[in-house]
Amino acid sequence: FPSLYPAAALNAPYVDFLARGQGEDTLLELLASDRSAASLGRIAGLSWKDGGAPTHNPERAFRGPDDYPAFPYGRLGDVGRYLRPSFLGRRTAAHQAAIGCRYRCAFCGVVSMFNGTTRLSRPARIAAAMRTLRVEHGATAIQFYDHNFFDREDSSAEILDAMAPEALPWWCYARADALAGFSARTWERIRASKLRMAYIGAEAASDSVLRSMRKGATVDHTLETARRCLEYGVIPEFSFVLGGPQDPEGEIEKTFTFIRRLKKIHPASEIILYFYS
């Protein structure tokens, strides 16, 4: 919220500083500053109150996850307290392997934060994080909170090959157009990597609405993804936005009809509904 609405967040009387976007370097520089106006003004990505007046410094350059050290899980103490039961397994960990998303869907806050930019971790680094969670902390499954896990097929294939030996069931966010376009060989990699569930933004039941959202995917992509997920043992979580402004009632009926069609293709599909506002 502070990254998307810094003026509103800084308006709160209990907020003195906020870091917009990536905060790792901004926070360290703030802690190292002497809190003078001159030193605060040099910290990129910082918003602050200068004599009570809101001040927004220039943006900070975007850095990829590989620019930073591995997560220091051991500093949490008993990491097992954070590994919770889920559909995936008894001790499910969370990890973010990539930052940002190169797509520009009109409804998504990620676009405002990263402006169509994404940075991936190296495959070996992702596998190492999984191994640390599995071997040192007893994780039996993992959820990847990347804004969009599958970027392009070539990079995805390398990551899937690195993940497979860790044998951890996993969950991620994904796009229907990416999954629908993957080759059979890449889908075999997906199976071998133990992907169990993917959250997929289907969003609408008509291509015209998808175009208005600048989604980049089509209805046929969603249908093909449902078929591929059924074939390769993945449960899709399809999300939809109900009640768009053009024809709210008509689009809702069309969406429910489409959902029934998806459920016939893949009966285990999960459906997540949002309302347009």
C-alpha atoms as a PDB file:
ATOM      1  CA  PHE A   1       0.000   0.000   0.000  1.00  0.00           C
ATOM      2  CA  PRO A   2       2.732   2.572   0.779  1.00  0.00           C
ATOM      3  CA  SER A   3       4.350   1.892  -2.603  1.00  0.00           C
ATOM      4  CA  LEU A   4       1.101   2.438  -4.512  1.00  0.00           C
ATOM      5  CA  TYR A   5      -0.310   5.281  -2.361  1.00  0.00           C
ATOM      6  CA  PRO A   6       2.634   6.980  -0.628  1.00  0.00           C
ATOM      7  CA  ALA A   7       0.837  10.285  -0.093  1.00  0.00           C
ATOM      8  CA  ALA A   8      -2.067   8.605   1.714  1.00  0.00           C
ATOM      9  CA  ALA A   9       0.239   6.422   3.812  1.00  0.00           C
ATOM     10  CA  LEU A  10       2.498   9.327   4.776  1.00  0.00           C
ATOM     11  CA  ASN A  11      -0.569  11.347   5.753  1.00  0.00           C
ATOM     12  CA  ALA A  12      -1.068   9.083   8.782  1.00  0.00           C
ATOM     13  CA  PRO A  13       0.160  10.892  11.923  1.00  0.00           C
ATOM     14  CA  TYR A  14       2.109   7.842  13.126  1.00  0.00           C
ATOM     15  CA  VAL A  15       4.130   7.494   9.867  1.00  0.00           C
ATOM     16  CA  ASP A  16       7.428   9.390   9.670  1.00  0.00           C
ATOM     17  CA  PHE A  17       9.137   7.497   6.820  1.00  0.00           C
ATOM     18  CA  LEU A  18       8.143   4.972   4.173  1.00  0.00           C
ATOM     19  CA  ALA A  19      10.103   2.986   1.617  1.00  0.00           C
ATOM     20  CA  ARG A  20       8.552   2.788  -1.842  1.00  0.00           C
ATOM     21  CA  GLY A  21       9.073  -0.368  -3.885  1.00  0.00           C
ATOM     22  CA  GLN A  22      12.014  -2.501  -2.814  1.00  0.00           C
ATOM     23  CA  GLY A  23      12.931  -1.452   0.711  1.00  0.00           C
ATOM     24  CA  GLU A  24      16.077  -3.432   1.525  1.00  0.00           C
ATOM     25  CA  ASP A  25      18.614  -0.741   0.604  1.00  0.00           C
ATOM     26  CA  THR A  26      16.307   2.169   1.450  1.00  0.00           C
ATOM     27  CA  LEU A  27      15.864   0.929   5.021  1.00  0.00           C
ATOM     28  CA  LEU A  28      19.596   0.367   5.555  1.00  0.00           C
ATOM     29  CA  GLU A  29      20.417   3.866   4.292  1.00  0.00           C
ATOM     30  CA  LEU A  30      17.716   5.357   6.513  1.00  0.00           C
ATOM     31  CA  LEU A  31      19.132   3.585   9.578  1.00  0.00           C
ATOM     32  CA  ALA A  32      22.623   4.821   8.698  1.00  0.00           C
ATOM     33  CA  SER A  33      21.542   8.447   8.171  1.00  0.00           C
ATOM     34  CA  ASP A  34      21.718  11.204  10.795  1.00  0.00           C
ATOM     35  CA  ARG A  35      18.055  12.088  10.068  1.00  0.00           C
ATOM     36  CA  SER A  36      18.970  15.557   8.836  1.00  0.00           C
ATOM     37  CA  ALA A  37      17.068  16.920   5.847  1.00  0.00           C
ATOM     38  CA  ALA A  38      20.265  16.788   3.788  1.00  0.00           C
ATOM     39  CA  SER A  39      20.943  13.105   4.498  1.00  0.00           C
ATOM     40  CA  LEU A  40      17.316  12.050   4.148  1.00  0.00           C
ATOM     41  CA  GLY A  41      17.055  13.837   0.801  1.00  0.00           C
ATOM     42  CA  ARG A  42      19.783  11.614  -0.649  1.00  0.00           C
ATOM     43  CA  ILE A  43      17.988   8.308   0.015  1.00  0.00           C
ATOM     44  CA  ALA A  44      16.364   7.038  -3.185  1.00  0.00           C
ATOM     45  CA  GLY A  45      12.934   5.465  -2.777  1.00  0.00           C
ATOM     46  CA  LEU A  46      12.231   7.233   0.523  1.00  0.00           C
ATOM     47  CA  SER A  47       9.170   9.323   1.345  1.00  0.00           C
ATOM     48  CA  TRP A  48       9.318  11.401   4.546  1.00  0.00           C
ATOM     49  CA  LYS A  49       8.054  14.503   6.325  1.00  0.00           C
ATOM     50  CA  ASP A  50      10.250  17.572   6.022  1.00  0.00           C
ATOM     51  CA  GLY A  51       9.008  19.899   8.755  1.00  0.00           C
ATOM     52  CA  GLY A  52       5.634  18.188   8.484  1.00  0.00           C
ATOM     53  CA  ALA A  53       5.452  18.546   4.688  1.00  0.00           C
ATOM     54  CA  PRO A  54       5.373  15.293   2.659  1.00  0.00           C
ATOM     55  CA  THR A  55       8.512  14.795   0.575  1.00  0.00           C
ATOM     56  CA  HIS A  56       9.028  12.058  -2.027  1.00  0.00           C
ATOM     57  CA  ASN A  57      12.614  11.354  -3.094  1.00  0.00           C
ATOM     58  CA  PRO A  58      13.430  10.013  -6.595  1.00  0.00           C
ATOM     59  CA  GLU A  59      12.747   6.335  -7.310  1.00  0.00           C
ATOM     60  CA  ARG A  60      15.319   3.697  -6.445  1.00  0.00           C
ATOM     61  CA  ALA A  61      16.753   1.562  -9.260  1.00  0.00           C
ATOM     62  CA  PHE A  62      15.246  -1.918  -9.460  1.00  0.00           C
ATOM     63  CA  ARG A  63      17.513  -4.768  -8.303  1.00  0.00           C
ATOM     64  CA  GLY A  64      17.061  -8.487  -8.914  1.00  0.00           C
ATOM     65  CA  PRO A  65      16.954 -11.115  -6.159  1.00  0.00           C
ATOM     66  CA  ASP A  66      20.422 -12.414  -7.013  1.00  0.00           C
ATOM     67  CA  ASP A  67      21.877  -9.040  -5.958  1.00  0.00           C
ATOM     68  CA  TYR A  68      21.051  -9.898  -2.354  1.00  0.00           C
ATOM     69  CA  PRO A  69      22.317 -12.606   0.030  1.00  0.00           C
ATOM     70  CA  ALA A  70      20.312 -15.785   0.552  1.00  0.00           C
ATOM     71  CA  PHE A  71      17.541 -15.466   3.129  1.00  0.00           C
ATOM     72  CA  PRO A  72      18.988 -15.972   6.656  1.00  0.00           C
ATOM     73  CA  TYR A  73      16.356 -18.457   7.792  1.00  0.00           C
ATOM     74  CA  GLY A  74      18.414 -19.449  10.826  1.00  0.00           C
ATOM     75  CA  ARG A  75      17.927 -16.003  12.374  1.00  0.00           C
ATOM     76  CA  LEU A  76      14.233 -16.845  12.851  1.00  0.00           C
ATOM     77  CA  GLY A  77      15.139 -19.330  15.568  1.00  0.00           C
ATOM     78  CA  ASP A  78      12.745 -22.262  15.277  1.00  0.00           C
ATOM     79  CA  VAL A  79      11.874 -22.108  11.578  1.00  0.00           C
ATOM     80  CA  GLY A  80       9.455 -25.002  12.063  1.00  0.00           C
ATOM     81  CA  ARG A  81       6.959 -22.613  13.673  1.00  0.00           C
ATOM     82  CA  TYR A  82       6.515 -20.983  10.266  1.00  0.00           C
ATOM     83  CA  LEU A  83       6.016 -24.207   8.283  1.00  0.00           C
ATOM     84  CA  ARG A  84       2.278 -24.791   8.307  1.00  0.00           C
ATOM     85  CA  PRO A  85      -0.061 -27.525   7.024  1.00  0.00           C
ATOM     86  CA  SER A  86      -1.592 -26.932   3.606  1.00  0.00           C
ATOM     87  CA  PHE A  87      -3.042 -28.837   0.673  1.00  0.00           C
ATOM     88  CA  LEU A  88       0.542 -29.353  -0.483  1.00  0.00           C
ATOM     89  CA  GLY A  89       1.996 -30.896   2.651  1.00  0.00           C
ATOM     90  CA  ARG A  90       2.249 -30.994   6.434  1.00  0.00           C
ATOM     91  CA  ARG A  91       5.106 -28.458   6.670  1.00  0.00           C
ATOM     92  CA  THR A  92       4.686 -25.897   3.876  1.00  0.00           C
ATOM     93  CA  ALA A  93       7.304 -23.180   3.415  1.00  0.00           C
ATOM     94  CA  ALA A  94       7.049 -19.946   1.425  1.00  0.00           C
ATOM     95  CA  HIS A  95       9.658 -18.456  -0.913  1.00  0.00           C
ATOM     96  CA  GLN A  96       9.858 -15.736  -3.546  1.00  0.00           C
ATOM     97  CA  ALA A  97      12.236 -16.529  -6.388  1.00  0.00           C
ATOM     98  CA  ALA A  98      11.562 -13.607  -8.750  1.00  0.00           C
ATOM     99  CA  ILE A  99      10.552  -9.964  -8.430  1.00  0.00           C
ATOM    100  CA  GLY A 100       8.126  -8.098 -10.692  1.00  0.00           C
ATOM    101  CA  CYS A 101       6.211  -9.115 -13.814  1.00  0.00           C
ATOM    102  CA  ARG A 102       6.765  -8.150 -17.450  1.00  0.00           C
ATOM    103  CA  TYR A 103       3.026  -8.031 -18.249  1.00  0.00           C
ATOM    104  CA  ARG A 104       0.880  -4.910 -17.907  1.00  0.00           C
ATOM    105  CA  CYS A 105      -2.637  -6.056 -16.976  1.00  0.00           C
ATOM    106  CA  ALA A 106      -4.775  -2.966 -16.390  1.00  0.00           C
ATOM    107  CA  PHE A 107      -6.104  -4.078 -12.977  1.00  0.00           C
ATOM    108  CA  CYS A 108      -2.846  -5.175 -11.336  1.00  0.00           C
ATOM    109  CA  GLY A 109      -0.903  -3.250  -8.697  1.00  0.00           C
ATOM    110  CA  VAL A 110       2.319  -5.025  -9.694  1.00  0.00           C
ATOM    111  CA  VAL A 111       2.322  -2.950 -12.895  1.00  0.00           C
ATOM    112  CA  SER A 112       2.326   0.274 -10.876  1.00  0.00           C
ATOM    113  CA  MET A 113       5.218  -0.964  -8.730  1.00  0.00           C
ATOM    114  CA  PHE A 114       7.493  -2.537 -11.353  1.00  0.00           C
ATOM    115  CA  ASN A 115       6.301  -1.076 -14.687  1.00  0.00           C
ATOM    116  CA  GLY A 116       6.620  -4.267 -16.725  1.00  0.00           C
ATOM    117  CA  THR A 117      10.004  -5.301 -15.316  1.00  0.00           C
ATOM    118  CA  THR A 118      10.909  -8.686 -13.871  1.00  0.00           C
ATOM    119  CA  ARG A 119      14.093 -10.226 -12.501  1.00  0.00           C
ATOM    120  CA  LEU A 120      14.505 -13.982 -12.027  1.00  0.00           C
ATOM    121  CA  SER A 121      16.736 -15.851  -9.615  1.00  0.00           C
ATOM    122  CA  ARG A 122      19.290 -18.244 -11.071  1.00  0.00           C
ATOM    123  CA  PRO A 123      17.999 -21.837 -11.191  1.00  0.00           C
ATOM    124  CA  ALA A 124      20.785 -23.015  -8.877  1.00  0.00           C
ATOM    125  CA  ARG A 125      19.852 -20.379  -6.293  1.00  0.00           C
ATOM    126  CA  ILE A 126      16.195 -21.474  -6.322  1.00  0.00           C
ATOM    127  CA  ALA A 127      17.197 -25.108  -5.889  1.00  0.00           C
ATOM    128  CA  ALA A 128      19.561 -24.154  -3.057  1.00  0.00           C
ATOM    129  CA  ALA A 129      16.767 -22.320  -1.224  1.00  0.00           C
ATOM    130  CA  MET A 130      14.496 -25.351  -1.579  1.00  0.00           C
ATOM    131  CA  ARG A 131      17.278 -27.620  -0.319  1.00  0.00           C
ATOM    132  CA  THR A 132      17.880 -25.392   2.709  1.00  0.00           C
ATOM    133  CA  LEU A 133      14.189 -25.397   3.606  1.00  0.00           C
ATOM    134  CA  ARG A 134      13.913 -29.159   3.101  1.00  0.00           C
ATOM    135  CA  VAL A 135      17.147 -30.428   4.655  1.00  0.00           C
ATOM    136  CA  GLU A 136      17.839 -27.900   7.406  1.00  0.00           C
ATOM    137  CA  HIS A 137      14.293 -26.979   8.404  1.00  0.00           C
ATOM    138  CA  GLY A 138      12.136 -29.969   7.475  1.00  0.00           C
ATOM    139  CA  ALA A 139       9.888 -28.419   4.828  1.00  0.00           C
ATOM    140  CA  THR A 140       7.761 -30.935   2.935  1.00  0.00           C
ATOM    141  CA  ALA A 141       6.233 -28.488   0.417  1.00  0.00           C
ATOM    142  CA  ILE A 142       6.710 -24.929  -0.819  1.00  0.00           C
ATOM    143  CA  GLN A 143       4.616 -22.027  -2.083  1.00  0.00           C
ATOM    144  CA  PHE A 144       6.299 -19.595  -4.482  1.00  0.00           C
ATOM    145  CA  TYR A 145       4.951 -16.080  -4.092  1.00  0.00           C
ATOM    146  CA  ASP A 146       6.487 -14.744  -7.303  1.00  0.00           C
ATOM    147  CA  HIS A 147       4.205 -12.268  -9.063  1.00  0.00           C
ATOM    148  CA  ASN A 148       4.373 -14.633 -12.046  1.00  0.00           C
ATOM    149  CA  PHE A 149       6.457 -17.801 -11.759  1.00  0.00           C
ATOM    150  CA  PHE A 150       6.658 -18.871 -15.413  1.00  0.00           C
ATOM    151  CA  ASP A 151       8.198 -16.033 -17.409  1.00  0.00           C
ATOM    152  CA  ARG A 152       9.349 -17.611 -20.697  1.00  0.00           C
ATOM    153  CA  GLU A 153       9.586 -21.262 -21.689  1.00  0.00           C
ATOM    154  CA  ASP A 154      13.383 -21.408 -21.999  1.00  0.00           C
ATOM    155  CA  SER A 155      14.023 -19.875 -18.576  1.00  0.00           C
ATOM    156  CA  SER A 156      11.199 -21.912 -17.038  1.00  0.00           C
ATOM    157  CA  ALA A 157      12.669 -25.170 -18.361  1.00  0.00           C
ATOM    158  CA  GLU A 158      16.029 -24.465 -16.710  1.00  0.00           C
ATOM    159  CA  ILE A 159      14.362 -23.668 -13.390  1.00  0.00           C
ATOM    160  CA  LEU A 160      12.144 -26.771 -13.504  1.00  0.00           C
ATOM    161  CA  ASP A 161      15.150 -29.006 -14.176  1.00  0.00           C
ATOM    162  CA  ALA A 162      16.953 -27.523 -11.163  1.00  0.00           C
ATOM    163  CA  MET A 163      13.886 -27.939  -8.919  1.00  0.00           C
ATOM    164  CA  ALA A 164      13.087 -31.555  -9.770  1.00  0.00           C
ATOM    165  CA  PRO A 165      15.801 -33.229  -7.614  1.00  0.00           C
ATOM    166  CA  GLU A 166      14.505 -31.445  -4.503  1.00  0.00           C
ATOM    167  CA  ALA A 167      11.207 -33.364  -4.815  1.00  0.00           C
ATOM    168  CA  LEU A 168       9.093 -30.767  -2.979  1.00  0.00           C
ATOM    169  CA  PRO A 169       5.435 -30.384  -4.018  1.00  0.00           C
ATOM    170  CA  TRP A 170       4.853 -26.726  -4.856  1.00  0.00           C
ATOM    171  CA  TRP A 171       2.353 -23.976  -5.733  1.00  0.00           C
ATOM    172  CA  CYS A 172       2.764 -20.777  -7.750  1.00  0.00           C
ATOM    173  CA  TYR A 173       1.101 -17.959  -9.676  1.00  0.00           C
ATOM    174  CA  ALA A 174       1.002 -18.536 -13.444  1.00  0.00           C
ATOM    175  CA  ARG A 175      -0.505 -17.236 -16.688  1.00  0.00           C
ATOM    176  CA  ALA A 176      -2.806 -19.207 -18.956  1.00  0.00           C
ATOM    177  CA  ASP A 177      -1.137 -17.989 -22.160  1.00  0.00           C
ATOM    178  CA  ALA A 178       2.284 -19.137 -20.927  1.00  0.00           C
ATOM    179  CA  LEU A 179       1.111 -22.570 -19.792  1.00  0.00           C
ATOM    180  CA  ALA A 180      -1.016 -23.152 -22.893  1.00  0.00           C
ATOM    181  CA  GLY A 181       1.982 -22.479 -25.125  1.00  0.00           C
ATOM    182  CA  PHE A 182       4.435 -24.791 -23.375  1.00  0.00           C
ATOM    183  CA  SER A 183       5.662 -27.832 -25.265  1.00  0.00           C
ATOM    184  CA  ALA A 184       4.967 -31.383 -24.106  1.00  0.00           C
ATOM    185  CA  ARG A 185       8.616 -31.600 -23.000  1.00  0.00           C
ATOM    186  CA  THR A 186       8.218 -28.596 -20.702  1.00  0.00           C
ATOM    187  CA  TRP A 187       4.993 -30.026 -19.301  1.00  0.00           C
ATOM    188  CA  GLU A 188       6.887 -33.235 -18.527  1.00  0.00           C
ATOM    189  CA  ARG A 189       9.365 -31.065 -16.639  1.00  0.00           C
ATOM    190  CA  ILE A 190       6.448 -29.526 -14.742  1.00  0.00           C
ATOM    191  CA  ARG A 191       5.282 -32.996 -13.742  1.00  0.00           C
ATOM    192  CA  ALA A 192       8.783 -34.041 -12.690  1.00  0.00           C
ATOM    193  CA  SER A 193       9.186 -30.882 -10.598  1.00  0.00           C
ATOM    194  CA  LYS A 194       6.072 -31.842  -8.573  1.00  0.00           C
ATOM    195  CA  LEU A 195       3.968 -28.764  -9.291  1.00  0.00           C
ATOM    196  CA  ARG A 196       0.661 -29.555  -7.571  1.00  0.00           C
ATOM    197  CA  MET A 197      -1.375 -26.367  -7.885  1.00  0.00           C
ATOM    198  CA  ALA A 198      -1.180 -23.075  -9.801  1.00  0.00           C
ATOM    199  CA  TYR A 199      -3.162 -19.871  -9.340  1.00  0.00           C
ATOM    200  CA  ILE A 200      -4.071 -18.712 -12.856  1.00  0.00           C
ATOM    201  CA  GLY A 201      -5.743 -15.405 -13.684  1.00  0.00           C
ATOM    202  CA  ALA A 202      -8.444 -16.407 -16.181  1.00  0.00           C
ATOM    203  CA  GLU A 203     -10.277 -13.137 -15.321  1.00  0.00           C
ATOM    204  CA  ALA A 204     -13.077 -13.223 -17.931  1.00  0.00           C
ATOM    205  CA  ALA A 205     -15.141 -15.422 -20.242  1.00  0.00           C
ATOM    206  CA  SER A 206     -14.796 -13.314 -23.380  1.00  0.00           C
ATOM    207  CA  ASP A 207     -11.810 -12.162 -25.400  1.00  0.00           C
ATOM    208  CA  SER A 208     -13.207  -8.636 -25.708  1.00  0.00           C
ATOM    209  CA  VAL A 209     -13.190  -8.197 -21.916  1.00  0.00           C
ATOM    210  CA  LEU A 210      -9.695  -9.685 -21.712  1.00  0.00           C
ATOM    211  CA  ARG A 211      -8.506  -7.174 -24.329  1.00  0.00           C
ATOM    212  CA  SER A 212     -10.029  -4.313 -22.328  1.00  0.00           C
ATOM    213  CA  MET A 213      -8.037  -5.543 -19.313  1.00  0.00           C
ATOM    214  CA  ARG A 214      -4.853  -5.715 -21.427  1.00  0.00           C
ATOM    215  CA  LYS A 215      -4.531  -9.255 -20.136  1.00  0.00           C
ATOM    216  CA  GLY A 216      -2.692 -10.627 -23.165  1.00  0.00           C
ATOM    217  CA  ALA A 217      -4.352 -14.051 -22.843  1.00  0.00           C
ATOM    218  CA  THR A 218      -7.478 -15.452 -24.491  1.00  0.00           C
ATOM    219  CA  VAL A 219     -10.349 -17.700 -23.499  1.00  0.00           C
ATOM    220  CA  ASP A 220      -8.807 -20.501 -25.567  1.00  0.00           C
ATOM    221  CA  HIS A 221      -5.616 -20.201 -23.500  1.00  0.00           C
ATOM    222  CA  THR A 222      -7.649 -20.824 -20.338  1.00  0.00           C
ATOM    223  CA  LEU A 223      -9.392 -23.865 -21.838  1.00  0.00           C
ATOM    224  CA  GLU A 224      -6.118 -25.344 -23.088  1.00  0.00           C
ATOM    225  CA  THR A 225      -4.484 -24.762 -19.707  1.00  0.00           C
ATOM    226  CA  ALA A 226      -7.307 -26.657 -17.994  1.00  0.00           C
ATOM    227  CA  ARG A 227      -6.731 -29.593 -20.353  1.00  0.00           C
ATOM    228  CA  ARG A 228      -2.958 -29.578 -19.845  1.00  0.00           C
ATOM    229  CA  CYS A 229      -3.281 -29.321 -16.068  1.00  0.00           C
ATOM    230  CA  LEU A 230      -5.597 -32.337 -16.032  1.00  0.00           C
ATOM    231  CA  GLU A 231      -3.176 -34.336 -18.186  1.00  0.00           C
ATOM    232  CA  TYR A 232      -0.119 -33.516 -16.080  1.00  0.00           C
ATOM    233  CA  GLY A 233      -1.596 -33.706 -12.586  1.00  0.00           C
ATOM    234  CA  VAL A 234      -1.850 -29.993 -11.706  1.00  0.00           C
ATOM    235  CA  ILE A 235      -4.889 -28.451  -9.990  1.00  0.00           C
ATOM    236  CA  PRO A 236      -5.573 -24.994 -11.451  1.00  0.00           C
ATOM    237  CA  GLU A 237      -7.037 -22.201  -9.333  1.00  0.00           C
ATOM    238  CA  PHE A 238      -8.794 -20.009 -11.898  1.00  0.00           C
ATOM    239  CA  SER A 239      -9.630 -16.469 -10.789  1.00  0.00           C
ATOM    240  CA  PHE A 240     -12.343 -14.335 -12.408  1.00  0.00           C
ATOM    241  CA  VAL A 241     -13.438 -10.706 -12.082  1.00  0.00           C
ATOM    242  CA  LEU A 242     -17.223 -10.400 -11.998  1.00  0.00           C
ATOM    243  CA  GLY A 243     -19.364  -7.418 -12.958  1.00  0.00           C
ATOM    244  CA  GLY A 244     -17.207  -5.336 -15.303  1.00  0.00           C
ATOM    245  CA  PRO A 245     -18.675  -1.954 -16.244  1.00  0.00           C
ATOM    246  CA  GLN A 246     -19.640  -2.689 -19.860  1.00  0.00           C
ATOM    247  CA  ASP A 247     -22.348  -5.315 -19.194  1.00  0.00           C
ATOM    248  CA  PRO A 248     -22.211  -6.430 -15.544  1.00  0.00           C
ATOM    249  CA  GLU A 249     -25.134  -8.843 -15.476  1.00  0.00           C
ATOM    250  CA  GLY A 250     -24.468 -10.285 -18.916  1.00  0.00           C
ATOM    251  CA  GLU A 251     -20.771 -10.868 -18.198  1.00  0.00           C
ATOM    252  CA  ILE A 252     -21.565 -12.520 -14.858  1.00  0.00           C
ATOM    253  CA  GLU A 253     -23.879 -15.016 -16.545  1.00  0.00           C
ATOM    254  CA  LYS A 254     -21.340 -15.630 -19.299  1.00  0.00           C
ATOM    255  CA  THR A 255     -18.604 -16.157 -16.706  1.00  0.00           C
ATOM    256  CA  PHE A 256     -20.611 -18.726 -14.730  1.00  0.00           C
ATOM    257  CA  THR A 257     -21.379 -20.612 -17.935  1.00  0.00           C
ATOM    258  CA  PHE A 258     -17.671 -20.613 -18.762  1.00  0.00           C
ATOM    259  CA  ILE A 259     -16.771 -21.800 -15.243  1.00  0.00           C
ATOM    260  CA  ARG A 260     -19.091 -24.798 -15.662  1.00  0.00           C
ATOM    261  CA  ARG A 261     -17.320 -25.565 -18.929  1.00  0.00           C
ATOM    262  CA  LEU A 262     -13.934 -25.476 -17.184  1.00  0.00           C
ATOM    263  CA  LYS A 263     -15.191 -27.740 -14.406  1.00  0.00           C
ATOM    264  CA  LYS A 264     -16.297 -30.294 -16.988  1.00  0.00           C
ATOM    265  CA  ILE A 265     -12.794 -30.288 -18.482  1.00  0.00           C
ATOM    266  CA  HIS A 266     -11.003 -30.444 -15.100  1.00  0.00           C
ATOM    267  CA  PRO A 267     -13.463 -31.241 -12.272  1.00  0.00           C
ATOM    268  CA  ALA A 268     -10.870 -30.536  -9.551  1.00  0.00           C
ATOM    269  CA  SER A 269     -10.356 -26.949 -10.765  1.00  0.00           C
ATOM    270  CA  GLU A 270     -10.800 -24.368  -8.034  1.00  0.00           C
ATOM    271  CA  ILE A 271     -12.608 -21.116  -8.785  1.00  0.00           C
ATOM    272  CA  ILE A 272     -11.823 -17.786  -7.124  1.00  0.00           C
ATOM    273  CA  LEU A 273     -14.194 -14.869  -7.692  1.00  0.00           C
ATOM    274  CA  TYR A 274     -13.551 -11.139  -7.404  1.00  0.00           C
ATOM    275  CA  PHE A 275     -15.989  -8.281  -7.950  1.00  0.00           C
ATOM    276  CA  TYR A 276     -15.147  -5.271 -10.085  1.00  0.00           C
ATOM    277  CA  SER A 277     -15.317  -2.009  -8.130  1.00  0.00           C
END
